[in-house]
Protein backbone atom coordinates (compact mmCIF):
# COMPACT_ATOMS: atom_id res chain seq x y z
CA MET A 1 -22.26 -81.32 -75.73
CA SER A 2 -24.70 -81.30 -78.62
CA ASP A 3 -28.32 -80.26 -78.24
CA ALA A 4 -29.24 -83.95 -78.30
CA ALA A 5 -27.07 -84.56 -75.23
CA GLN A 6 -28.29 -81.52 -73.32
CA PRO A 7 -27.89 -82.16 -69.57
CA THR A 8 -30.97 -82.55 -67.43
CA ALA A 9 -31.77 -80.29 -64.49
CA ALA A 10 -30.86 -83.17 -62.19
CA GLU A 11 -27.44 -83.50 -63.83
CA VAL A 12 -26.81 -79.77 -63.35
CA ARG A 13 -27.82 -80.10 -59.70
CA ALA A 14 -25.51 -83.10 -59.28
CA ALA A 15 -22.63 -81.10 -60.75
CA ALA A 16 -23.35 -78.26 -58.31
CA GLU A 17 -23.32 -80.70 -55.40
CA ALA A 18 -19.99 -82.09 -56.64
CA VAL A 19 -18.53 -78.56 -56.52
CA LYS A 20 -19.68 -78.17 -52.90
CA VAL A 21 -18.10 -81.48 -51.94
CA ALA A 22 -14.87 -80.59 -53.75
CA LEU A 23 -14.76 -77.19 -52.01
CA ASP A 24 -15.07 -78.82 -48.60
CA ARG A 25 -12.36 -81.35 -49.44
CA HIS A 26 -10.03 -78.63 -50.72
CA LEU A 27 -10.49 -76.50 -47.59
CA ALA A 28 -9.92 -79.52 -45.34
CA ALA A 29 -6.74 -80.39 -47.26
CA VAL A 30 -5.46 -76.82 -46.96
CA GLU A 31 -6.27 -76.69 -43.24
CA HIS A 32 -4.32 -79.90 -42.62
CA ARG A 33 -1.51 -79.40 -45.10
CA THR A 34 1.83 -80.90 -44.11
CA GLY A 35 4.04 -78.62 -46.18
CA GLU A 36 4.24 -76.27 -49.14
CA ASP A 37 4.01 -79.12 -51.68
CA ASP A 38 1.49 -81.30 -49.87
CA PRO A 39 0.17 -83.78 -52.50
CA ALA A 40 -3.21 -83.91 -50.75
CA VAL A 41 -3.69 -80.19 -51.44
CA SER A 42 -2.71 -80.62 -55.09
CA GLU A 43 -5.11 -83.54 -55.48
CA ALA A 44 -7.94 -81.57 -53.87
CA PHE A 45 -7.17 -78.57 -56.07
CA ASN A 46 -7.35 -80.66 -59.23
CA ALA A 47 -10.60 -82.29 -58.13
CA LEU A 48 -12.11 -78.86 -57.44
CA ALA A 49 -10.99 -77.62 -60.86
CA VAL A 50 -12.64 -80.59 -62.57
CA ALA A 51 -15.87 -80.23 -60.61
CA ALA A 52 -16.08 -76.48 -61.24
CA GLU A 53 -15.53 -76.85 -64.97
CA VAL A 54 -18.09 -79.65 -65.32
CA TYR A 55 -20.65 -77.56 -63.45
CA ASP A 56 -19.88 -74.56 -65.64
CA GLU A 57 -20.35 -76.63 -68.80
CA ARG A 58 -23.62 -78.23 -67.67
CA LEU A 59 -25.00 -74.93 -66.39
CA TYR A 60 -24.27 -73.27 -69.72
CA HIS A 61 -25.75 -76.01 -71.88
CA ARG A 62 -28.86 -76.34 -69.76
CA TYR A 63 -29.59 -72.73 -68.81
CA ASP A 64 -27.31 -70.60 -71.03
CA GLU A 65 -25.63 -69.23 -67.89
CA VAL A 66 -21.99 -69.25 -66.81
CA THR A 67 -19.96 -69.11 -63.59
CA PRO A 68 -17.00 -66.81 -62.81
CA PHE A 69 -14.65 -69.82 -62.72
CA GLU A 70 -11.72 -69.86 -65.13
CA ILE A 71 -9.64 -73.01 -64.86
CA PRO A 72 -6.00 -72.84 -66.04
CA ASP A 73 -4.71 -75.38 -68.50
CA PRO A 74 -2.25 -77.95 -67.13
CA ASP A 75 1.30 -76.67 -66.77
CA ASP A 76 2.43 -78.87 -69.68
CA SER A 77 0.61 -76.48 -72.03
CA LEU A 78 3.61 -74.16 -71.59
CA PRO A 79 7.25 -74.71 -72.51
CA PRO A 80 9.76 -74.86 -69.63
CA TYR A 81 10.03 -71.52 -67.84
CA ASN A 82 13.22 -69.68 -68.75
CA GLY A 83 12.54 -66.26 -67.26
CA PRO A 84 14.04 -64.49 -64.25
CA GLU A 85 13.78 -66.35 -60.94
CA GLU A 86 12.81 -63.15 -59.12
CA PRO A 87 11.01 -60.92 -61.66
CA ASN A 88 11.09 -57.18 -61.09
CA ALA A 89 8.33 -56.56 -63.64
CA LEU A 90 5.57 -58.40 -65.44
CA SER A 91 3.41 -58.08 -68.53
CA VAL A 92 -0.22 -59.24 -68.72
CA LEU A 93 -1.26 -60.16 -72.25
CA ILE A 94 -4.96 -60.77 -72.88
CA ARG A 95 -6.78 -61.91 -75.98
CA ARG A 96 -10.55 -62.35 -76.18
CA ASP A 97 -12.35 -63.27 -79.40
CA TYR A 98 -15.96 -62.36 -80.13
CA ALA A 99 -18.35 -63.05 -82.99
CA VAL A 100 -20.74 -60.25 -83.95
CA VAL A 101 -23.94 -62.32 -83.94
CA GLU A 102 -26.47 -59.49 -83.64
CA PRO A 103 -25.11 -56.47 -85.54
CA GLN A 104 -28.35 -54.49 -85.15
CA ARG A 105 -28.13 -54.85 -81.36
CA LEU A 106 -24.52 -53.69 -81.47
CA LEU A 107 -25.42 -50.70 -83.64
CA ALA A 108 -28.37 -49.77 -81.42
CA GLN A 109 -26.34 -49.95 -78.22
CA SER A 110 -23.55 -47.89 -79.72
CA GLN A 111 -26.05 -45.30 -80.96
CA ARG A 112 -27.49 -45.08 -77.45
CA ILE A 113 -24.00 -44.35 -76.07
CA ALA A 114 -23.39 -41.71 -78.73
CA ASP A 115 -26.75 -40.04 -78.10
CA ALA A 116 -26.17 -39.98 -74.32
CA GLU A 117 -22.83 -38.28 -74.81
CA GLY A 118 -24.21 -35.86 -77.38
CA ASP A 119 -21.47 -36.68 -79.85
CA ALA A 120 -22.12 -34.38 -82.80
CA GLY A 121 -19.87 -36.44 -85.05
CA ILE A 122 -22.07 -39.51 -84.72
CA GLY A 123 -25.44 -38.08 -83.77
CA THR A 124 -28.85 -39.65 -84.23
CA GLY A 125 -28.63 -42.18 -87.02
CA GLY A 126 -24.87 -41.68 -87.30
CA VAL A 127 -23.77 -45.03 -85.91
CA VAL A 128 -26.92 -46.98 -86.74
CA GLY A 129 -26.72 -45.86 -90.32
CA SER A 130 -22.99 -46.43 -90.45
CA SER A 131 -21.02 -49.63 -89.83
CA VAL A 132 -20.12 -52.28 -87.30
CA HIS A 133 -16.58 -50.88 -87.45
CA ALA A 134 -17.79 -47.50 -86.16
CA ALA A 135 -20.05 -49.11 -83.57
CA LEU A 136 -17.18 -51.18 -82.14
CA GLY A 137 -15.10 -48.03 -81.82
CA VAL A 138 -17.85 -46.38 -79.78
CA LEU A 139 -18.40 -49.47 -77.62
CA PHE A 140 -14.76 -50.03 -76.72
CA GLY A 141 -14.24 -46.31 -76.24
CA GLU A 142 -16.98 -46.26 -73.60
CA TYR A 143 -16.44 -49.49 -71.65
CA GLU A 144 -13.46 -51.30 -70.18
CA PRO A 145 -12.72 -54.68 -71.83
CA ASP A 146 -13.65 -56.55 -68.63
CA GLU A 147 -17.09 -54.92 -68.59
CA ILE A 148 -17.64 -55.80 -72.24
CA ALA A 149 -16.65 -59.40 -71.42
CA SER A 150 -19.24 -59.60 -68.65
CA ARG A 151 -21.99 -57.91 -70.73
CA HIS A 152 -21.12 -59.15 -74.22
CA LYS A 153 -24.61 -60.51 -74.93
CA GLU A 154 -26.10 -57.04 -74.39
CA PHE A 155 -23.94 -55.80 -77.25
CA GLY A 156 -24.81 -58.54 -79.72
CA LEU A 157 -21.50 -60.39 -79.24
CA GLU A 158 -20.77 -64.07 -78.67
CA GLU A 159 -17.66 -65.22 -76.84
CA GLY A 160 -15.00 -67.22 -78.64
CA ASP A 161 -11.69 -68.39 -77.21
CA SER A 162 -9.84 -66.27 -74.69
CA THR A 163 -6.44 -66.42 -73.03
CA LEU A 164 -4.48 -64.49 -70.43
CA TRP A 165 -0.69 -64.73 -70.12
CA VAL A 166 1.30 -63.43 -67.16
CA SER A 167 4.86 -62.96 -68.40
CA ALA A 168 7.85 -62.16 -66.16
CA ALA A 169 10.59 -59.66 -66.91
CA ASP A 170 13.72 -58.27 -65.27
CA ASP A 171 12.70 -54.66 -65.78
CA LEU A 172 9.93 -52.58 -67.28
CA PRO A 173 10.53 -51.55 -70.92
CA GLU A 174 11.19 -47.92 -71.66
CA PRO A 175 8.03 -45.80 -72.07
CA GLY A 176 6.61 -46.21 -75.57
CA GLU A 177 9.16 -48.90 -76.48
CA TRP A 178 6.66 -51.59 -77.55
CA LEU A 179 3.53 -49.58 -78.38
CA SER A 180 3.96 -49.95 -82.15
CA ALA A 181 4.05 -53.77 -81.89
CA PRO A 182 2.70 -54.72 -78.45
CA PHE A 183 2.58 -58.51 -78.91
CA ASP A 184 5.67 -59.19 -81.01
CA GLN A 185 7.95 -59.78 -78.02
CA ALA A 186 5.72 -62.27 -76.19
CA ASP A 187 7.98 -65.16 -75.13
CA PRO A 188 6.19 -68.36 -74.00
CA GLN A 189 9.28 -69.34 -72.00
CA GLN A 190 8.81 -66.29 -69.76
CA VAL A 191 5.14 -66.99 -69.04
CA VAL A 192 4.61 -67.61 -65.33
CA CYS A 193 1.01 -68.81 -65.76
CA ARG A 194 -1.78 -68.70 -68.30
CA PHE A 195 -5.55 -69.09 -68.23
CA ASP A 196 -7.42 -70.34 -71.30
CA VAL A 197 -11.13 -70.59 -72.04
CA SER A 198 -12.17 -72.51 -75.16
CA ALA A 199 -15.02 -74.62 -76.48
CA VAL A 200 -12.42 -77.03 -77.85
CA PHE A 201 -11.90 -78.63 -74.43
CA ASP A 202 -13.24 -82.18 -74.52
CA GLU A 203 -16.51 -82.11 -72.60
CA ASP A 204 -16.72 -85.90 -72.65
CA ASP A 205 -13.52 -86.02 -70.57
CA LEU A 206 -15.07 -83.53 -68.15
CA ASP A 207 -18.12 -85.75 -67.76
CA ALA A 208 -15.90 -88.76 -67.17
CA ASP A 209 -14.00 -86.87 -64.48
CA LEU A 210 -17.25 -85.91 -62.78
CA ASP A 211 -18.36 -89.56 -62.88
CA ASP A 212 -15.11 -90.43 -61.08
CA LEU A 213 -15.91 -87.84 -58.40
CA GLU A 214 -19.45 -89.19 -57.99
CA GLU A 215 -18.09 -92.73 -57.63
CA GLN A 216 -15.77 -91.51 -54.86
CA ASP A 217 -18.79 -90.06 -53.03
CA ALA A 218 -20.77 -93.29 -53.31
């Protein structure tokens, strides 16, 4: 959505109500499921996914806030699975992109970390007067990636695309076997599931899906 098409508060509220309705429908479908592959459960799941993503989009564009929902891409985003039927091991591959939009904030936060730890190598003025490269090293040395993801704005970062792949394997690799090239052996045909977050998703389609949900409620 462009700034010109910014959702109204009422539209955000309507999207939130649609999530509540979709949650109730999904729970009811699960409670009355007729088997493992009950189509009613799948339909309710998809409707909940649509409603949650529309709400997330409208909430962000109206209030610059997000939800903890991450909706997986459709299964056809992956090639046919060709991994072991009963995996004995798995690999979790994560990529998150960030833009450094406020370098001075990043430098200041990294300097605060260095000062609190009393690091003589990068004492007062060391990081601030140095580089973004050094500041990133301090930041990622102090915090887990998940914490940085949840607090990225505090560090002067802006989220880009992100993806998480869960890949199956017969056995764990030998210790140290892949450390020199950790992502070279990623095989899309052994990915069990993946979760993508990207601004490239067509928000107009999301709005159309929400309109369909609202028509069903009418």
